[in-house]
């Protein structure tokens, strides 16, 4: 299992972050994701593709 976190610089030297999705990586390499608000369930071929999303 993993979380997708989005970071943003809010001031000089200050970074804020929030979890935007949760996911699970399967043994065959694909991942299933869901946004934190429960919308947009997705299936991607790899964790790298999930990060691109």
Protein backbone atom coordinates (compact mmCIF):
# COMPACT_ATOMS: atom_id res chain seq x y z
CA UNK A 1 0.00 0.00 0.00
CA UNK A 2 1.12 3.55 -0.60
CA UNK A 3 -0.01 7.17 -0.55
CA UNK A 4 0.39 9.73 -3.32
CA UNK A 5 1.47 13.03 -1.75
CA UNK A 6 1.41 16.42 -3.44
CA UNK A 7 3.91 18.97 -2.16
CA UNK A 8 3.81 22.74 -2.64
CA UNK A 9 6.20 25.49 -1.60
CA UNK A 10 4.12 27.97 0.40
CA UNK A 11 6.93 30.32 1.48
CA UNK A 12 10.69 30.53 1.31
CA UNK A 13 11.94 27.31 2.89
CA UNK A 14 8.42 26.14 3.82
CA UNK A 15 6.80 23.20 2.07
CA UNK A 16 3.25 21.98 2.62
CA UNK A 17 2.04 18.53 1.64
CA UNK A 18 -1.22 16.63 1.40
CA UNK A 19 -2.23 13.08 0.57
CA UNK A 20 -4.22 13.15 -2.68
CA UNK A 21 -4.68 9.41 -3.29
CA UNK A 22 -4.19 5.98 -1.80
CA UNK A 23 -3.01 2.97 -3.74
CA UNK A 24 -2.02 -0.65 -3.67
CA UNK A 25 0.67 -2.24 -5.83
CA UNK A 26 0.01 -5.80 -7.01
CA UNK A 27 2.58 -8.54 -7.59
CA UNK A 28 2.14 -8.34 -11.39
CA UNK A 29 3.21 -4.67 -11.29
CA UNK A 30 -0.09 -2.85 -11.79
CA UNK A 31 -1.51 -0.48 -9.19
CA UNK A 32 -5.02 0.49 -8.14
CA UNK A 33 -5.62 4.03 -6.85
CA UNK A 34 -8.45 6.03 -5.39
CA UNK A 35 -8.50 9.77 -4.66
CA UNK A 36 -8.87 10.74 -1.01
CA UNK A 37 -12.38 12.03 -1.70
CA UNK A 38 -13.36 8.56 -2.96
CA UNK A 39 -13.66 9.62 -6.60
CA UNK A 40 -11.62 8.63 -9.62
CA UNK A 41 -10.67 5.00 -9.01
CA UNK A 42 -7.83 4.24 -11.40
CA UNK A 43 -5.76 1.29 -12.50
CA UNK A 44 -2.27 1.95 -13.84
CA UNK A 45 0.46 -0.32 -15.20
CA UNK A 46 3.09 0.74 -12.65
CA UNK A 47 3.67 2.99 -9.62
CA UNK A 48 5.60 5.37 -11.89
CA UNK A 49 2.52 5.83 -14.09
CA UNK A 50 0.45 6.42 -10.96
CA UNK A 51 2.78 9.25 -9.95
CA UNK A 52 2.43 10.79 -13.40
CA UNK A 53 -1.34 10.90 -12.89
